[in-house]
C-alpha atoms as a PDB file:
ATOM      1  CA  GLN A   1      -0.411  17.856   1.790  1.00  0.00           C
ATOM      2  CA  VAL A   2      -2.027  14.961  -0.033  1.00  0.00           C
ATOM      3  CA  GLN A   3      -5.479  13.457   0.556  1.00  0.00           C
ATOM      4  CA  LEU A   4      -5.560   9.703   0.048  1.00  0.00           C
ATOM      5  CA  VAL A   5      -8.458   7.275  -0.374  1.00  0.00           C
ATOM      6  CA  GLU A   6      -7.920   3.520  -0.564  1.00  0.00           C
ATOM      7  CA  SER A   7     -10.223   0.981  -2.158  1.00  0.00           C
ATOM      8  CA  GLY A   8     -10.208  -2.605  -3.338  1.00  0.00           C
ATOM      9  CA  GLY A   9     -10.062  -4.510  -0.081  1.00  0.00           C
ATOM     10  CA  GLY A  10     -12.225  -7.511   0.623  1.00  0.00           C
ATOM     11  CA  LEU A  11     -12.399 -11.178   1.478  1.00  0.00           C
ATOM     12  CA  VAL A  12     -10.346 -13.644  -0.525  1.00  0.00           C
ATOM     13  CA  GLN A  13      -9.280 -17.252  -0.110  1.00  0.00           C
ATOM     14  CA  THR A  14      -5.730 -18.372   0.477  1.00  0.00           C
ATOM     15  CA  GLY A  15      -3.800 -18.250  -2.785  1.00  0.00           C
ATOM     16  CA  GLY A  16      -6.080 -15.630  -4.269  1.00  0.00           C
ATOM     17  CA  SER A  17      -5.347 -12.126  -5.499  1.00  0.00           C
ATOM     18  CA  LEU A  18      -6.531  -8.599  -4.844  1.00  0.00           C
ATOM     19  CA  ARG A  19      -5.571  -5.234  -6.220  1.00  0.00           C
ATOM     20  CA  LEU A  20      -5.711  -2.260  -3.906  1.00  0.00           C
ATOM     21  CA  SER A  21      -6.026   1.233  -5.276  1.00  0.00           C
ATOM     22  CA  CYS A  22      -5.216   4.577  -3.716  1.00  0.00           C
ATOM     23  CA  ALA A  23      -6.528   7.806  -5.176  1.00  0.00           C
ATOM     24  CA  ALA A  24      -4.537  10.915  -4.334  1.00  0.00           C
ATOM     25  CA  SER A  25      -5.394  14.584  -4.570  1.00  0.00           C
ATOM     26  CA  GLY A  26      -2.916  17.326  -5.293  1.00  0.00           C
ATOM     27  CA  ARG A  27      -1.083  18.678  -8.297  1.00  0.00           C
ATOM     28  CA  THR A  28       2.341  17.527  -7.161  1.00  0.00           C
ATOM     29  CA  PHE A  29       1.504  13.855  -6.747  1.00  0.00           C
ATOM     30  CA  SER A  30       4.439  12.775  -8.888  1.00  0.00           C
ATOM     31  CA  ASN A  31       6.866  14.395  -6.434  1.00  0.00           C
ATOM     32  CA  TYR A  32       5.828  12.107  -3.597  1.00  0.00           C
ATOM     33  CA  ALA A  33       6.986   8.674  -2.676  1.00  0.00           C
ATOM     34  CA  MET A  34       3.919   6.508  -2.159  1.00  0.00           C
ATOM     35  CA  GLY A  35       3.833   3.639   0.257  1.00  0.00           C
ATOM     36  CA  TRP A  36       1.572   0.858   1.414  1.00  0.00           C
ATOM     37  CA  PHE A  37       1.479  -0.247   5.034  1.00  0.00           C
ATOM     38  CA  ARG A  38      -0.684  -2.702   6.912  1.00  0.00           C
ATOM     39  CA  GLN A  39      -1.828  -3.250  10.457  1.00  0.00           C
ATOM     40  CA  ALA A  40      -3.167  -6.514  11.798  1.00  0.00           C
ATOM     41  CA  PRO A  41      -5.180  -6.673  15.038  1.00  0.00           C
ATOM     42  CA  GLY A  42      -2.908  -6.334  18.047  1.00  0.00           C
ATOM     43  CA  LYS A  43       0.144  -5.600  15.918  1.00  0.00           C
ATOM     44  CA  GLU A  44       2.047  -2.494  14.919  1.00  0.00           C
ATOM     45  CA  ARG A  45       1.619  -0.929  11.532  1.00  0.00           C
ATOM     46  CA  GLU A  46       4.260  -2.293   9.176  1.00  0.00           C
ATOM     47  CA  PHE A  47       5.788  -1.292   5.884  1.00  0.00           C
ATOM     48  CA  ILE A  48       4.791  -3.275   2.800  1.00  0.00           C
ATOM     49  CA  ALA A  49       5.960  -1.450  -0.310  1.00  0.00           C
ATOM     50  CA  ALA A  50       6.882   1.969  -1.648  1.00  0.00           C
ATOM     51  CA  VAL A  51       7.462   3.570  -5.026  1.00  0.00           C
ATOM     52  CA  LYS A  52       8.916   6.734  -6.438  1.00  0.00           C
ATOM     53  CA  TRP A  53      10.500   7.607  -9.762  1.00  0.00           C
ATOM     54  CA  SER A  54      13.815   6.449  -8.304  1.00  0.00           C
ATOM     55  CA  GLY A  55      12.641   2.908  -7.628  1.00  0.00           C
ATOM     56  CA  THR A  56      10.659   0.592  -5.405  1.00  0.00           C
ATOM     57  CA  ARG A  57      11.049  -0.987  -1.969  1.00  0.00           C
ATOM     58  CA  TYR A  58       9.383  -4.112  -0.602  1.00  0.00           C
ATOM     59  CA  ALA A  59       9.161  -5.836   2.745  1.00  0.00           C
ATOM     60  CA  ASP A  60      10.723  -9.287   2.684  1.00  0.00           C
ATOM     61  CA  SER A  61       7.393 -10.799   3.694  1.00  0.00           C
ATOM     62  CA  VAL A  62       5.736  -9.738   0.433  1.00  0.00           C
ATOM     63  CA  LYS A  63       8.633  -9.713  -2.023  1.00  0.00           C
ATOM     64  CA  GLY A  64       7.744 -11.752  -5.083  1.00  0.00           C
ATOM     65  CA  ARG A  65       4.042 -11.761  -4.244  1.00  0.00           C
ATOM     66  CA  PHE A  66       3.081  -8.078  -4.131  1.00  0.00           C
ATOM     67  CA  THR A  67       3.745  -5.419  -6.753  1.00  0.00           C
ATOM     68  CA  ILE A  68       3.423  -1.688  -6.222  1.00  0.00           C
ATOM     69  CA  SER A  69       2.849   0.643  -9.140  1.00  0.00           C
ATOM     70  CA  ARG A  70       1.665   4.169  -9.795  1.00  0.00           C
ATOM     71  CA  ASP A  71       0.020   6.174 -12.537  1.00  0.00           C
ATOM     72  CA  ASN A  72       1.034   9.793 -12.131  1.00  0.00           C
ATOM     73  CA  ALA A  73      -1.338  10.947 -14.863  1.00  0.00           C
ATOM     74  CA  LYS A  74      -4.263   9.591 -12.825  1.00  0.00           C
ATOM     75  CA  ASN A  75      -2.862  10.341  -9.351  1.00  0.00           C
ATOM     76  CA  MET A  76      -3.188   6.672  -8.483  1.00  0.00           C
ATOM     77  CA  VAL A  77      -1.059   4.092  -6.740  1.00  0.00           C
ATOM     78  CA  TYR A  78      -1.786   0.374  -6.756  1.00  0.00           C
ATOM     79  CA  LEU A  79      -0.829  -2.703  -4.827  1.00  0.00           C
ATOM     80  CA  GLN A  80      -1.266  -5.974  -6.686  1.00  0.00           C
ATOM     81  CA  MET A  81      -1.347  -8.793  -4.163  1.00  0.00           C
ATOM     82  CA  ASN A  82      -0.951 -12.373  -5.352  1.00  0.00           C
ATOM     83  CA  SER A  83      -0.610 -15.700  -3.549  1.00  0.00           C
ATOM     84  CA  LEU A  84      -2.328 -14.258  -0.518  1.00  0.00           C
ATOM     85  CA  LYS A  85      -1.928 -15.938   2.857  1.00  0.00           C
ATOM     86  CA  PRO A  86      -4.009 -15.723   6.039  1.00  0.00           C
ATOM     87  CA  GLU A  87      -1.169 -13.758   7.642  1.00  0.00           C
ATOM     88  CA  ASP A  88      -1.732 -11.020   5.056  1.00  0.00           C
ATOM     89  CA  THR A  89      -5.022 -10.224   6.775  1.00  0.00           C
ATOM     90  CA  ALA A  90      -4.881  -6.614   7.943  1.00  0.00           C
ATOM     91  CA  VAL A  91      -6.063  -3.104   7.305  1.00  0.00           C
ATOM     92  CA  TYR A  92      -3.999  -1.722   4.440  1.00  0.00           C
ATOM     93  CA  TYR A  93      -3.059   1.947   4.326  1.00  0.00           C
ATOM     94  CA  CYS A  94      -1.759   4.159   1.582  1.00  0.00           C
ATOM     95  CA  ALA A  95       0.655   6.925   2.588  1.00  0.00           C
ATOM     96  CA  ALA A  96       2.763   9.700   1.075  1.00  0.00           C
ATOM     97  CA  ALA A  97       6.304  10.778   1.892  1.00  0.00           C
ATOM     98  CA  GLY A  98       8.857  13.157   0.480  1.00  0.00           C
ATOM     99  CA  ILE A  99      11.485  10.504  -0.114  1.00  0.00           C
ATOM    100  CA  LEU A 100      11.506   6.828  -0.961  1.00  0.00           C
ATOM    101  CA  THR A 101      11.706   5.183   2.440  1.00  0.00           C
ATOM    102  CA  THR A 102      10.525   2.185   4.422  1.00  0.00           C
ATOM    103  CA  THR A 103      10.290   4.246   7.631  1.00  0.00           C
ATOM    104  CA  LEU A 104       6.732   4.773   8.804  1.00  0.00           C
ATOM    105  CA  ALA A 105       7.538   8.043  10.589  1.00  0.00           C
ATOM    106  CA  MET A 106       8.614   9.625   7.301  1.00  0.00           C
ATOM    107  CA  TYR A 107       5.097   9.326   5.888  1.00  0.00           C
ATOM    108  CA  ASN A 108       3.028  12.399   6.701  1.00  0.00           C
ATOM    109  CA  ASP A 109      -0.209  11.800   4.848  1.00  0.00           C
ATOM    110  CA  TRP A 110      -2.379   8.710   5.284  1.00  0.00           C
ATOM    111  CA  GLY A 111      -5.566   7.256   3.927  1.00  0.00           C
ATOM    112  CA  GLN A 112      -8.313   5.760   6.064  1.00  0.00           C
ATOM    113  CA  GLY A 113      -7.397   2.173   5.247  1.00  0.00           C
ATOM    114  CA  THR A 114      -9.096  -0.753   3.550  1.00  0.00           C
ATOM    115  CA  GLN A 115      -9.643  -4.173   5.104  1.00  0.00           C
ATOM    116  CA  VAL A 116      -8.121  -7.260   3.511  1.00  0.00           C
ATOM    117  CA  THR A 117      -9.156 -10.628   4.902  1.00  0.00           C
ATOM    118  CA  VAL A 118      -7.614 -13.868   3.663  1.00  0.00           C
ATOM    119  CA  SER A 119      -9.494 -16.999   4.661  1.00  0.00           C
ATOM    120  CA  SER A 120      -7.761 -20.332   5.114  1.00  0.00           C
END
């Protein structure tokens, strides 16, 4: 099991940037695939990006604008978000899975979320 804590959310204008961070506990952090998801009001939680040693995955809606990365030495995963749009407004969640996947149900451990608001 992994404990996850997100940070870095906030209010930003359209076209701006934010970097989200996720701090993970546990000695075997490097074994996990780490993902970012988001949930907007009234909508289902959706996959954004994931990373493991084997590669990365991105949702089409953020490809080219968002970059996921991790620092296994620090037990951290990041989401760099550029060219933000109002439709990116959501609560963003960090999650851990055993394999690199875009499937929400495969992620067993979740953080509490951090709010990102993009103003027009």
